[in-house]
Amino acid sequence: MSTSSRTPEGSPHQCPVCGKIAALEPCYSGGDSVCPSCGHLLWLFRDRIGNELGVNLDSIKFESLLRAELSVDSLDLAEVVMELEEATGINIPDDIAEKFRSVRDVIEYLRRRQEEG
C-alpha cells in the first residue's frame, strides 16, 4: 500500500462521518478523506448547494455552518432538502431539517438513514 494513502503516523484514515477506515487520498482540496458512501453524499450535497445558491464548492466542507458560512436560509435549505430526498430516496422530516447546523449534520443524517435501510 502506498504511504500517501495513510496518515503520517502510518495508520489508515478514519472517515469523519461514519468512522469506517478510508485508506484514500483526500477527496477534494478541503482535505476530508471519507469512505466512498459518505463521499458520494458530500459531493451530492455540494452539487446541490453550489447549483442552487452559487456557493463556491471549495468553501463547502464538513464543518461549514449552513447559515453563518454558506448563507443558507430556511427556504434554501427546504429546496436543497427536497432535492436530496429525490436524489437519495431518503425522507428528511421538516423538524429534522430545521436542526441541521452544518454540512456534517446533513451528511451524518443521510448516512445513518442509509445504514438503517
C-alpha atoms as a PDB file:
ATOM      1  CA  MET A   1       0.000   0.000   0.000  1.00  0.00           C
ATOM      2  CA  SER A   2       1.262   3.433  -0.870  1.00  0.00           C
ATOM      3  CA  THR A   3       2.235   5.581   2.092  1.00  0.00           C
ATOM      4  CA  SER A   4       0.378   8.517   0.531  1.00  0.00           C
ATOM      5  CA  SER A   5      -2.918   6.809   1.300  1.00  0.00           C
ATOM      6  CA  ARG A   6      -2.207   6.754   5.020  1.00  0.00           C
ATOM      7  CA  THR A   7      -1.793   9.317   7.725  1.00  0.00           C
ATOM      8  CA  PRO A   8       1.745  10.406   8.673  1.00  0.00           C
ATOM      9  CA  GLU A   9       1.609   8.037  11.630  1.00  0.00           C
ATOM     10  CA  GLY A  10       1.098   5.107   9.243  1.00  0.00           C
ATOM     11  CA  SER A  11      -2.457   4.196  10.229  1.00  0.00           C
ATOM     12  CA  PRO A  12      -5.433   4.346   7.874  1.00  0.00           C
ATOM     13  CA  HIS A  13      -7.525   7.491   7.899  1.00  0.00           C
ATOM     14  CA  GLN A  14     -10.888   7.163   9.568  1.00  0.00           C
ATOM     15  CA  CYS A  15     -13.922   8.563   7.733  1.00  0.00           C
ATOM     16  CA  PRO A  16     -15.025  11.670   9.666  1.00  0.00           C
ATOM     17  CA  VAL A  17     -18.686  10.824   9.074  1.00  0.00           C
ATOM     18  CA  CYS A  18     -19.251   7.120   9.636  1.00  0.00           C
ATOM     19  CA  GLY A  19     -15.974   6.180  11.325  1.00  0.00           C
ATOM     20  CA  LYS A  20     -15.047   3.500   8.791  1.00  0.00           C
ATOM     21  CA  ILE A  21     -11.488   3.183   7.593  1.00  0.00           C
ATOM     22  CA  ALA A  22     -10.893   5.212   4.438  1.00  0.00           C
ATOM     23  CA  ALA A  23      -7.431   4.415   3.105  1.00  0.00           C
ATOM     24  CA  LEU A  24      -7.859   7.012   0.365  1.00  0.00           C
ATOM     25  CA  GLU A  25      -6.404  10.315  -0.699  1.00  0.00           C
ATOM     26  CA  PRO A  26      -8.376  13.377   0.435  1.00  0.00           C
ATOM     27  CA  CYS A  27     -11.347  13.656  -1.917  1.00  0.00           C
ATOM     28  CA  TYR A  28     -11.056  17.394  -2.548  1.00  0.00           C
ATOM     29  CA  SER A  29      -8.972  20.374  -1.618  1.00  0.00           C
ATOM     30  CA  GLY A  30     -10.740  20.700   1.739  1.00  0.00           C
ATOM     31  CA  GLY A  31      -8.781  17.661   2.834  1.00  0.00           C
ATOM     32  CA  ASP A  32     -11.645  15.487   4.066  1.00  0.00           C
ATOM     33  CA  SER A  33     -10.831  11.872   3.303  1.00  0.00           C
ATOM     34  CA  VAL A  34     -14.061   9.943   3.501  1.00  0.00           C
ATOM     35  CA  CYS A  35     -15.274   6.486   2.617  1.00  0.00           C
ATOM     36  CA  PRO A  36     -16.947   6.156  -0.801  1.00  0.00           C
ATOM     37  CA  SER A  37     -20.501   6.158   0.619  1.00  0.00           C
ATOM     38  CA  CYS A  38     -20.027   9.328   2.639  1.00  0.00           C
ATOM     39  CA  GLY A  39     -18.039  10.923  -0.163  1.00  0.00           C
ATOM     40  CA  HIS A  40     -20.931  10.366  -2.532  1.00  0.00           C
ATOM     41  CA  LEU A  41     -23.292  12.124  -0.134  1.00  0.00           C
ATOM     42  CA  LEU A  42     -20.863  15.004   0.361  1.00  0.00           C
ATOM     43  CA  TRP A  43     -20.487  15.517  -3.391  1.00  0.00           C
ATOM     44  CA  LEU A  44     -24.242  15.279  -3.875  1.00  0.00           C
ATOM     45  CA  PHE A  45     -24.821  17.911  -1.195  1.00  0.00           C
ATOM     46  CA  ARG A  46     -22.051  20.154  -2.525  1.00  0.00           C
ATOM     47  CA  ASP A  47     -23.528  19.997  -6.020  1.00  0.00           C
ATOM     48  CA  ARG A  48     -26.976  20.935  -4.737  1.00  0.00           C
ATOM     49  CA  ILE A  49     -25.719  23.863  -2.634  1.00  0.00           C
ATOM     50  CA  GLY A  50     -23.384  25.020  -5.387  1.00  0.00           C
ATOM     51  CA  ASN A  51     -26.060  24.886  -8.081  1.00  0.00           C
ATOM     52  CA  GLU A  52     -28.910  26.315  -6.005  1.00  0.00           C
ATOM     53  CA  LEU A  53     -27.036  29.084  -4.227  1.00  0.00           C
ATOM     54  CA  GLY A  54     -23.978  29.654  -6.362  1.00  0.00           C
ATOM     55  CA  VAL A  55     -21.704  28.817  -3.427  1.00  0.00           C
ATOM     56  CA  ASN A  56     -18.063  28.125  -4.314  1.00  0.00           C
ATOM     57  CA  LEU A  57     -17.643  24.359  -3.999  1.00  0.00           C
ATOM     58  CA  ASP A  58     -14.242  24.688  -2.326  1.00  0.00           C
ATOM     59  CA  SER A  59     -15.858  26.588   0.554  1.00  0.00           C
ATOM     60  CA  ILE A  60     -18.233  23.710   1.349  1.00  0.00           C
ATOM     61  CA  LYS A  61     -16.546  21.497   3.934  1.00  0.00           C
ATOM     62  CA  PHE A  62     -17.897  19.130   6.594  1.00  0.00           C
ATOM     63  CA  GLU A  63     -17.637  21.730   9.323  1.00  0.00           C
ATOM     64  CA  SER A  64     -19.103  24.598   7.255  1.00  0.00           C
ATOM     65  CA  LEU A  65     -22.041  26.177   9.035  1.00  0.00           C
ATOM     66  CA  LEU A  66     -25.051  26.310   6.746  1.00  0.00           C
ATOM     67  CA  ARG A  67     -26.414  29.691   7.810  1.00  0.00           C
ATOM     68  CA  ALA A  68     -23.343  31.578   9.016  1.00  0.00           C
ATOM     69  CA  GLU A  69     -20.733  30.469   6.479  1.00  0.00           C
ATOM     70  CA  LEU A  70     -22.737  29.340   3.457  1.00  0.00           C
ATOM     71  CA  SER A  71     -25.663  31.805   3.790  1.00  0.00           C
ATOM     72  CA  VAL A  72     -28.281  29.053   3.523  1.00  0.00           C
ATOM     73  CA  ASP A  73     -31.624  30.411   4.744  1.00  0.00           C
ATOM     74  CA  SER A  74     -34.686  28.316   5.644  1.00  0.00           C
ATOM     75  CA  LEU A  75     -36.167  28.439   2.143  1.00  0.00           C
ATOM     76  CA  ASP A  76     -32.845  27.496   0.536  1.00  0.00           C
ATOM     77  CA  LEU A  77     -32.467  24.598   2.940  1.00  0.00           C
ATOM     78  CA  ALA A  78     -36.006  23.371   2.205  1.00  0.00           C
ATOM     79  CA  GLU A  79     -35.275  23.368  -1.527  1.00  0.00           C
ATOM     80  CA  VAL A  80     -31.969  21.554  -1.109  1.00  0.00           C
ATOM     81  CA  VAL A  81     -33.570  19.029   1.254  1.00  0.00           C
ATOM     82  CA  MET A  82     -36.254  18.265  -1.361  1.00  0.00           C
ATOM     83  CA  GLU A  83     -33.563  17.697  -3.983  1.00  0.00           C
ATOM     84  CA  LEU A  84     -31.587  15.453  -1.634  1.00  0.00           C
ATOM     85  CA  GLU A  85     -34.724  13.461  -0.828  1.00  0.00           C
ATOM     86  CA  GLU A  86     -35.365  12.958  -4.523  1.00  0.00           C
ATOM     87  CA  ALA A  87     -31.744  12.022  -5.259  1.00  0.00           C
ATOM     88  CA  THR A  88     -31.336   9.622  -2.324  1.00  0.00           C
ATOM     89  CA  GLY A  89     -34.862   8.324  -1.740  1.00  0.00           C
ATOM     90  CA  ILE A  90     -34.463   9.255   1.936  1.00  0.00           C
ATOM     91  CA  ASN A  91     -37.232  11.243   3.612  1.00  0.00           C
ATOM     92  CA  ILE A  92     -35.969  14.141   5.729  1.00  0.00           C
ATOM     93  CA  PRO A  93     -38.743  15.382   8.046  1.00  0.00           C
ATOM     94  CA  ASP A  94     -39.055  19.159   8.402  1.00  0.00           C
ATOM     95  CA  ASP A  95     -38.378  19.053  12.141  1.00  0.00           C
ATOM     96  CA  ILE A  96     -35.090  17.227  11.476  1.00  0.00           C
ATOM     97  CA  ALA A  97     -34.056  19.544   8.629  1.00  0.00           C
ATOM     98  CA  GLU A  98     -34.597  22.575  10.861  1.00  0.00           C
ATOM     99  CA  LYS A  99     -31.963  21.214  13.255  1.00  0.00           C
ATOM    100  CA  PHE A 100     -29.233  20.962  10.589  1.00  0.00           C
ATOM    101  CA  ARG A 101     -26.480  23.443  11.514  1.00  0.00           C
ATOM    102  CA  SER A 102     -23.543  22.216   9.434  1.00  0.00           C
ATOM    103  CA  VAL A 103     -22.795  20.197   6.337  1.00  0.00           C
ATOM    104  CA  ARG A 104     -21.709  17.397   8.676  1.00  0.00           C
ATOM    105  CA  ASP A 105     -25.207  17.296  10.228  1.00  0.00           C
ATOM    106  CA  VAL A 106     -26.813  16.743   6.829  1.00  0.00           C
ATOM    107  CA  ILE A 107     -24.326  14.088   5.703  1.00  0.00           C
ATOM    108  CA  GLU A 108     -24.430  12.219   9.023  1.00  0.00           C
ATOM    109  CA  TYR A 109     -28.233  12.136   8.950  1.00  0.00           C
ATOM    110  CA  LEU A 110     -28.319  10.820   5.384  1.00  0.00           C
ATOM    111  CA  ARG A 111     -25.633   8.234   6.184  1.00  0.00           C
ATOM    112  CA  ARG A 112     -27.477   6.970   9.272  1.00  0.00           C
ATOM    113  CA  ARG A 113     -30.689   6.628   7.282  1.00  0.00           C
ATOM    114  CA  GLN A 114     -28.852   4.729   4.523  1.00  0.00           C
ATOM    115  CA  GLU A 115     -27.469   2.280   7.064  1.00  0.00           C
ATOM    116  CA  GLU A 116     -30.932   1.780   8.590  1.00  0.00           C
ATOM    117  CA  GLY A 117     -32.126   0.675   5.164  1.00  0.00           C
END
